[in-house]
Amino acid sequence: MMKTVWTDEEDKILVETILRNVSKGSTAQKAFEEVAAKLKKKKSICSCRWYKFLKPKFLSELHLARKQRYELKYKNS
């Protein structure tokens, strides 16, 4: 099994894309698709990177993105 090496820049792209998608009411799955296409990696590799390595480091930012999504949803209701 080949290990996929991630650069700091690729991690940044993944994190920013997920947080943007979540805050605007989209899903992490859509973000994985977007990042996979951009970085020419498999969607499953992006998902694994997020859930195993990055999400634990960005829980407060993810919470804020979810809060923004909630506010956006109910502000427009």
PDB file of N, CA and C in Angstrom:
ATOM      1  N   MET A   1       0.851  -1.185   0.000  1.00  0.00           N
ATOM      2  CA  MET A   1       0.000   0.000   0.000  1.00  0.00           C
ATOM      3  C   MET A   1       0.893   1.243   0.000  1.00  0.00           C
ATOM      4  N   MET A   2       0.652   2.130  -0.932  1.00  0.00           N
ATOM      5  CA  MET A   2       1.468   3.327  -1.059  1.00  0.00           C
ATOM      6  C   MET A   2       0.929   4.443  -0.157  1.00  0.00           C
ATOM      7  N   LYS A   3       1.837   5.075   0.574  1.00  0.00           N
ATOM      8  CA  LYS A   3       1.435   6.213   1.401  1.00  0.00           C
ATOM      9  C   LYS A   3       1.303   7.451   0.537  1.00  0.00           C
ATOM     10  N   THR A   4       0.296   8.234   0.815  1.00  0.00           N
ATOM     11  CA  THR A   4       0.112   9.496   0.116  1.00  0.00           C
ATOM     12  C   THR A   4       0.723  10.599   0.967  1.00  0.00           C
ATOM     13  N   VAL A   5       1.646  11.326   0.399  1.00  0.00           N
ATOM     14  CA  VAL A   5       2.301  12.420   1.110  1.00  0.00           C
ATOM     15  C   VAL A   5       1.488  13.696   0.892  1.00  0.00           C
ATOM     16  N   TRP A   6       1.247  14.408   1.976  1.00  0.00           N
ATOM     17  CA  TRP A   6       0.502  15.666   1.930  1.00  0.00           C
ATOM     18  C   TRP A   6       1.437  16.803   2.293  1.00  0.00           C
ATOM     19  N   THR A   7       1.378  17.856   1.527  1.00  0.00           N
ATOM     20  CA  THR A   7       2.151  19.054   1.852  1.00  0.00           C
ATOM     21  C   THR A   7       1.314  19.937   2.772  1.00  0.00           C
ATOM     22  N   ASP A   8       1.977  20.896   3.398  1.00  0.00           N
ATOM     23  CA  ASP A   8       1.249  21.858   4.235  1.00  0.00           C
ATOM     24  C   ASP A   8       0.229  22.631   3.402  1.00  0.00           C
ATOM     25  N   GLU A   9       0.603  22.961   2.172  1.00  0.00           N
ATOM     26  CA  GLU A   9      -0.304  23.709   1.286  1.00  0.00           C
ATOM     27  C   GLU A   9      -1.545  22.878   0.941  1.00  0.00           C
ATOM     28  N   GLU A  10      -1.360  21.591   0.691  1.00  0.00           N
ATOM     29  CA  GLU A  10      -2.500  20.719   0.398  1.00  0.00           C
ATOM     30  C   GLU A  10      -3.410  20.575   1.615  1.00  0.00           C
ATOM     31  N   ASP A  11      -2.805  20.450   2.796  1.00  0.00           N
ATOM     32  CA  ASP A  11      -3.607  20.403   4.028  1.00  0.00           C
ATOM     33  C   ASP A  11      -4.428  21.686   4.169  1.00  0.00           C
ATOM     34  N   LYS A  12      -3.787  22.812   3.895  1.00  0.00           N
ATOM     35  CA  LYS A  12      -4.470  24.112   3.997  1.00  0.00           C
ATOM     36  C   LYS A  12      -5.652  24.173   3.031  1.00  0.00           C
ATOM     37  N   ILE A  13      -5.451  23.715   1.815  1.00  0.00           N
ATOM     38  CA  ILE A  13      -6.527  23.707   0.816  1.00  0.00           C
ATOM     39  C   ILE A  13      -7.676  22.827   1.296  1.00  0.00           C
ATOM     40  N   LEU A  14      -7.364  21.659   1.826  1.00  0.00           N
ATOM     41  CA  LEU A  14      -8.401  20.753   2.311  1.00  0.00           C
ATOM     42  C   LEU A  14      -9.185  21.370   3.461  1.00  0.00           C
ATOM     43  N   VAL A  15      -8.485  21.906   4.440  1.00  0.00           N
ATOM     44  CA  VAL A  15      -9.147  22.504   5.608  1.00  0.00           C
ATOM     45  C   VAL A  15     -10.014  23.689   5.186  1.00  0.00           C
ATOM     46  N   GLU A  16      -9.463  24.592   4.402  1.00  0.00           N
ATOM     47  CA  GLU A  16     -10.213  25.781   3.985  1.00  0.00           C
ATOM     48  C   GLU A  16     -11.434  25.406   3.155  1.00  0.00           C
ATOM     49  N   THR A  17     -11.301  24.413   2.309  1.00  0.00           N
ATOM     50  CA  THR A  17     -12.434  23.993   1.468  1.00  0.00           C
ATOM     51  C   THR A  17     -13.537  23.380   2.314  1.00  0.00           C
ATOM     52  N   ILE A  18     -13.175  22.551   3.262  1.00  0.00           N
ATOM     53  CA  ILE A  18     -14.187  21.943   4.132  1.00  0.00           C
ATOM     54  C   ILE A  18     -14.889  23.010   4.962  1.00  0.00           C
ATOM     55  N   LEU A  19     -14.132  23.889   5.581  1.00  0.00           N
ATOM     56  CA  LEU A  19     -14.743  24.921   6.427  1.00  0.00           C
ATOM     57  C   LEU A  19     -15.641  25.841   5.610  1.00  0.00           C
ATOM     58  N   ARG A  20     -15.217  26.193   4.410  1.00  0.00           N
ATOM     59  CA  ARG A  20     -16.041  27.043   3.545  1.00  0.00           C
ATOM     60  C   ARG A  20     -17.342  26.320   3.174  1.00  0.00           C
ATOM     61  N   ASN A  21     -17.222  25.077   2.747  1.00  0.00           N
ATOM     62  CA  ASN A  21     -18.417  24.326   2.347  1.00  0.00           C
ATOM     63  C   ASN A  21     -19.401  24.176   3.505  1.00  0.00           C
ATOM     64  N   VAL A  22     -18.898  23.808   4.664  1.00  0.00           N
ATOM     65  CA  VAL A  22     -19.766  23.604   5.826  1.00  0.00           C
ATOM     66  C   VAL A  22     -20.441  24.915   6.226  1.00  0.00           C
ATOM     67  N   SER A  23     -19.686  25.999   6.233  1.00  0.00           N
ATOM     68  CA  SER A  23     -20.269  27.276   6.663  1.00  0.00           C
ATOM     69  C   SER A  23     -21.335  27.777   5.696  1.00  0.00           C
ATOM     70  N   LYS A  24     -21.256  27.370   4.428  1.00  0.00           N
ATOM     71  CA  LYS A  24     -22.228  27.821   3.429  1.00  0.00           C
ATOM     72  C   LYS A  24     -23.362  26.822   3.209  1.00  0.00           C
ATOM     73  N   GLY A  25     -23.408  25.780   4.037  1.00  0.00           N
ATOM     74  CA  GLY A  25     -24.521  24.843   3.975  1.00  0.00           C
ATOM     75  C   GLY A  25     -24.277  23.625   3.116  1.00  0.00           C
ATOM     76  N   SER A  26     -23.082  23.471   2.598  1.00  0.00           N
ATOM     77  CA  SER A  26     -22.760  22.283   1.808  1.00  0.00           C
ATOM     78  C   SER A  26     -22.211  21.215   2.753  1.00  0.00           C
ATOM     79  N   THR A  27     -21.631  20.173   2.178  1.00  0.00           N
ATOM     80  CA  THR A  27     -21.155  19.055   2.994  1.00  0.00           C
ATOM     81  C   THR A  27     -19.663  18.841   2.853  1.00  0.00           C
ATOM     82  N   ALA A  28     -19.119  18.097   3.814  1.00  0.00           N
ATOM     83  CA  ALA A  28     -17.713  17.718   3.737  1.00  0.00           C
ATOM     84  C   ALA A  28     -17.493  16.826   2.516  1.00  0.00           C
ATOM     85  N   GLN A  29     -18.464  15.992   2.190  1.00  0.00           N
ATOM     86  CA  GLN A  29     -18.326  15.101   1.028  1.00  0.00           C
ATOM     87  C   GLN A  29     -18.125  15.896  -0.259  1.00  0.00           C
ATOM     88  N   LYS A  30     -18.857  16.965  -0.414  1.00  0.00           N
ATOM     89  CA  LYS A  30     -18.684  17.837  -1.593  1.00  0.00           C
ATOM     90  C   LYS A  30     -17.292  18.465  -1.578  1.00  0.00           C
ATOM     91  N   ALA A  31     -16.838  18.830  -0.393  1.00  0.00           N
ATOM     92  CA  ALA A  31     -15.499  19.406  -0.266  1.00  0.00           C
ATOM     93  C   ALA A  31     -14.440  18.381  -0.660  1.00  0.00           C
ATOM     94  N   PHE A  32     -14.620  17.126  -0.253  1.00  0.00           N
ATOM     95  CA  PHE A  32     -13.654  16.086  -0.634  1.00  0.00           C
ATOM     96  C   PHE A  32     -13.588  15.933  -2.144  1.00  0.00           C
ATOM     97  N   GLU A  33     -14.742  15.982  -2.799  1.00  0.00           N
ATOM     98  CA  GLU A  33     -14.784  15.887  -4.267  1.00  0.00           C
ATOM     99  C   GLU A  33     -14.031  17.053  -4.901  1.00  0.00           C
ATOM    100  N   GLU A  34     -14.281  18.247  -4.386  1.00  0.00           N
ATOM    101  CA  GLU A  34     -13.647  19.457  -4.914  1.00  0.00           C
ATOM    102  C   GLU A  34     -12.124  19.399  -4.744  1.00  0.00           C
ATOM    103  N   VAL A  35     -11.686  19.019  -3.555  1.00  0.00           N
ATOM    104  CA  VAL A  35     -10.249  18.960  -3.279  1.00  0.00           C
ATOM    105  C   VAL A  35      -9.591  17.831  -4.068  1.00  0.00           C
ATOM    106  N   ALA A  36     -10.257  16.695  -4.162  1.00  0.00           N
ATOM    107  CA  ALA A  36      -9.706  15.567  -4.922  1.00  0.00           C
ATOM    108  C   ALA A  36      -9.435  15.970  -6.368  1.00  0.00           C
ATOM    109  N   ALA A  37     -10.379  16.667  -6.966  1.00  0.00           N
ATOM    110  CA  ALA A  37     -10.201  17.114  -8.352  1.00  0.00           C
ATOM    111  C   ALA A  37      -9.067  18.129  -8.457  1.00  0.00           C
ATOM    112  N   LYS A  38      -9.017  19.046  -7.518  1.00  0.00           N
ATOM    113  CA  LYS A  38      -8.009  20.108  -7.552  1.00  0.00           C
ATOM    114  C   LYS A  38      -6.599  19.565  -7.339  1.00  0.00           C
ATOM    115  N   LEU A  39      -6.462  18.633  -6.389  1.00  0.00           N
ATOM    116  CA  LEU A  39      -5.141  18.117  -6.030  1.00  0.00           C
ATOM    117  C   LEU A  39      -4.780  16.817  -6.742  1.00  0.00           C
ATOM    118  N   LYS A  40      -5.715  16.320  -7.551  1.00  0.00           N
ATOM    119  CA  LYS A  40      -5.514  15.058  -8.265  1.00  0.00           C
ATOM    120  C   LYS A  40      -5.219  13.902  -7.298  1.00  0.00           C
ATOM    121  N   LYS A  41      -6.059  13.826  -6.277  1.00  0.00           N
ATOM    122  CA  LYS A  41      -6.006  12.742  -5.296  1.00  0.00           C
ATOM    123  C   LYS A  41      -7.378  12.088  -5.257  1.00  0.00           C
ATOM    124  N   LYS A  42      -7.451  10.908  -4.707  1.00  0.00           N
ATOM    125  CA  LYS A  42      -8.734  10.229  -4.577  1.00  0.00           C
ATOM    126  C   LYS A  42      -9.560  10.886  -3.466  1.00  0.00           C
ATOM    127  N   LYS A  43     -10.867  10.885  -3.678  1.00  0.00           N
ATOM    128  CA  LYS A  43     -11.786  11.445  -2.678  1.00  0.00           C
ATOM    129  C   LYS A  43     -11.611  10.735  -1.336  1.00  0.00           C
ATOM    130  N   SER A  44     -11.432   9.425  -1.369  1.00  0.00           N
ATOM    131  CA  SER A  44     -11.271   8.650  -0.133  1.00  0.00           C
ATOM    132  C   SER A  44      -9.995   9.037   0.612  1.00  0.00           C
ATOM    133  N   ILE A  45      -8.953   9.394  -0.115  1.00  0.00           N
ATOM    134  CA  ILE A  45      -7.699   9.827   0.518  1.00  0.00           C
ATOM    135  C   ILE A  45      -7.907  11.180   1.215  1.00  0.00           C
ATOM    136  N   CYS A  46      -8.666  12.059   0.551  1.00  0.00           N
ATOM    137  CA  CYS A  46      -8.969  13.370   1.149  1.00  0.00           C
ATOM    138  C   CYS A  46      -9.799  13.193   2.422  1.00  0.00           C
ATOM    139  N   SER A  47     -10.772  12.318   2.349  1.00  0.00           N
ATOM    140  CA  SER A  47     -11.635  12.047   3.502  1.00  0.00           C
ATOM    141  C   SER A  47     -10.814  11.482   4.662  1.00  0.00           C
ATOM    142  N   CYS A  48      -9.963  10.535   4.370  1.00  0.00           N
ATOM    143  CA  CYS A  48      -9.119   9.927   5.400  1.00  0.00           C
ATOM    144  C   CYS A  48      -8.217  10.976   6.037  1.00  0.00           C
ATOM    145  N   ARG A  49      -7.613  11.817   5.214  1.00  0.00           N
ATOM    146  CA  ARG A  49      -6.723  12.859   5.726  1.00  0.00           C
ATOM    147  C   ARG A  49      -7.470  13.782   6.679  1.00  0.00           C
ATOM    148  N   TRP A  50      -8.678  14.170   6.285  1.00  0.00           N
ATOM    149  CA  TRP A  50      -9.480  15.070   7.116  1.00  0.00           C
ATOM    150  C   TRP A  50      -9.837  14.415   8.446  1.00  0.00           C
ATOM    151  N   TYR A  51     -10.460  13.237   8.381  1.00  0.00           N
ATOM    152  CA  TYR A  51     -10.985  12.630   9.597  1.00  0.00           C
ATOM    153  C   TYR A  51      -9.898  12.131  10.550  1.00  0.00           C
ATOM    154  N   LYS A  52      -8.801  11.588  10.024  1.00  0.00           N
ATOM    155  CA  LYS A  52      -7.775  11.020  10.897  1.00  0.00           C
ATOM    156  C   LYS A  52      -6.765  12.038  11.402  1.00  0.00           C
ATOM    157  N   PHE A  53      -6.434  13.033  10.584  1.00  0.00           N
ATOM    158  CA  PHE A  53      -5.329  13.915  10.944  1.00  0.00           C
ATOM    159  C   PHE A  53      -5.721  15.382  11.158  1.00  0.00           C
ATOM    160  N   LEU A  54      -6.610  15.891  10.349  1.00  0.00           N
ATOM    161  CA  LEU A  54      -6.859  17.330  10.391  1.00  0.00           C
ATOM    162  C   LEU A  54      -8.042  17.736  11.260  1.00  0.00           C
ATOM    163  N   LYS A  55      -9.134  17.023  11.176  1.00  0.00           N
ATOM    164  CA  LYS A  55     -10.333  17.400  11.931  1.00  0.00           C
ATOM    165  C   LYS A  55     -10.054  17.573  13.421  1.00  0.00           C
ATOM    166  N   PRO A  56      -9.306  16.651  14.056  1.00  0.00           N
ATOM    167  CA  PRO A  56      -9.033  16.842  15.493  1.00  0.00           C
ATOM    168  C   PRO A  56      -8.316  18.157  15.804  1.00  0.00           C
ATOM    169  N   LYS A  57      -7.543  18.659  14.865  1.00  0.00           N
ATOM    170  CA  LYS A  57      -6.801  19.905  15.075  1.00  0.00           C
ATOM    171  C   LYS A  57      -7.659  21.141  14.814  1.00  0.00           C
ATOM    172  N   PHE A  58      -8.777  20.961  14.101  1.00  0.00           N
ATOM    173  CA  PHE A  58      -9.586  22.106  13.684  1.00  0.00           C
ATOM    174  C   PHE A  58     -11.024  22.030  14.191  1.00  0.00           C
ATOM    175  N   LEU A  59     -11.215  21.428  15.346  1.00  0.00           N
ATOM    176  CA  LEU A  59     -12.579  21.274  15.883  1.00  0.00           C
ATOM    177  C   LEU A  59     -13.239  22.614  16.186  1.00  0.00           C
ATOM    178  N   SER A  60     -12.496  23.563  16.721  1.00  0.00           N
ATOM    179  CA  SER A  60     -13.126  24.857  17.044  1.00  0.00           C
ATOM    180  C   SER A  60     -13.508  25.596  15.768  1.00  0.00           C
ATOM    181  N   GLU A  61     -12.674  25.517  14.733  1.00  0.00           N
ATOM    182  CA  GLU A  61     -13.008  26.156  13.457  1.00  0.00           C
ATOM    183  C   GLU A  61     -14.209  25.477  12.804  1.00  0.00           C
ATOM    184  N   LEU A  62     -14.282  24.151  12.927  1.00  0.00           N
ATOM    185  CA  LEU A  62     -15.419  23.417  12.373  1.00  0.00           C
ATOM    186  C   LEU A  62     -16.701  23.789  13.118  1.00  0.00           C
ATOM    187  N   HIS A  63     -16.613  23.930  14.419  1.00  0.00           N
ATOM    188  CA  HIS A  63     -17.770  24.347  15.220  1.00  0.00           C
ATOM    189  C   HIS A  63     -18.254  25.727  14.769  1.00  0.00           C
ATOM    190  N   LEU A  64     -17.322  26.640  14.540  1.00  0.00           N
ATOM    191  CA  LEU A  64     -17.672  27.979  14.074  1.00  0.00           C
ATOM    192  C   LEU A  64     -18.338  27.924  12.691  1.00  0.00           C
ATOM    193  N   ALA A  65     -17.818  27.082  11.799  1.00  0.00           N
ATOM    194  CA  ALA A  65     -18.402  26.940  10.459  1.00  0.00           C
ATOM    195  C   ALA A  65     -19.833  26.409  10.548  1.00  0.00           C
ATOM    196  N   ARG A  66     -20.045  25.454  11.440  1.00  0.00           N
ATOM    197  CA  ARG A  66     -21.405  24.911  11.623  1.00  0.00           C
ATOM    198  C   ARG A  66     -22.341  25.970  12.198  1.00  0.00           C
ATOM    199  N   LYS A  67     -21.816  26.790  13.102  1.00  0.00           N
ATOM    200  CA  LYS A  67     -22.608  27.877  13.679  1.00  0.00           C
ATOM    201  C   LYS A  67     -22.992  28.880  12.593  1.00  0.00           C
ATOM    202  N   GLN A  68     -22.048  29.207  11.712  1.00  0.00           N
ATOM    203  CA  GLN A  68     -22.325  30.129  10.605  1.00  0.00           C
ATOM    204  C   GLN A  68     -23.389  29.548   9.675  1.00  0.00           C
ATOM    205  N   ARG A  69     -23.295  28.239   9.410  1.00  0.00           N
ATOM    206  CA  ARG A  69     -24.293  27.578   8.561  1.00  0.00           C
ATOM    207  C   ARG A  69     -25.669  27.680   9.191  1.00  0.00           C
ATOM    208  N   TYR A  70     -25.754  27.433  10.487  1.00  0.00           N
ATOM    209  CA  TYR A  70     -27.017  27.498  11.215  1.00  0.00           C
ATOM    210  C   TYR A  70     -27.601  28.905  11.146  1.00  0.00           C
ATOM    211  N   GLU A  71     -26.740  29.901  11.399  1.00  0.00           N
ATOM    212  CA  GLU A  71     -27.204  31.293  11.362  1.00  0.00           C
ATOM    213  C   GLU A  71     -27.673  31.688   9.958  1.00  0.00           C
ATOM    214  N   LEU A  72     -26.961  31.246   8.951  1.00  0.00           N
ATOM    215  CA  LEU A  72     -27.322  31.537   7.573  1.00  0.00           C
ATOM    216  C   LEU A  72     -28.664  30.892   7.230  1.00  0.00           C
ATOM    217  N   LYS A  73     -28.842  29.670   7.659  1.00  0.00           N
ATOM    218  CA  LYS A  73     -30.080  28.941   7.373  1.00  0.00           C
ATOM    219  C   LYS A  73     -31.282  29.602   8.022  1.00  0.00           C
ATOM    220  N   TYR A  74     -31.160  29.980   9.286  1.00  0.00           N
ATOM    221  CA  TYR A  74     -32.312  30.507  10.009  1.00  0.00           C
ATOM    222  C   TYR A  74     -32.474  32.013   9.853  1.00  0.00           C
ATOM    223  N   LYS A  75     -31.435  32.686   9.419  1.00  0.00           N
ATOM    224  CA  LYS A  75     -31.540  34.107   9.121  1.00  0.00           C
ATOM    225  C   LYS A  75     -32.413  34.319   7.886  1.00  0.00           C
ATOM    226  N   ASN A  76     -32.331  33.375   6.953  1.00  0.00           N
ATOM    227  CA  ASN A  76     -33.060  33.474   5.692  1.00  0.00           C
ATOM    228  C   ASN A  76     -34.440  32.812   5.766  1.00  0.00           C
ATOM    229  N   SER A  77     -34.818  32.297   6.918  1.00  0.00           N
ATOM    230  CA  SER A  77     -36.122  31.607   7.045  1.00  0.00           C
ATOM    231  C   SER A  77     -37.229  32.583   7.329  1.00  0.00           C
TER     232      SER A  77
END
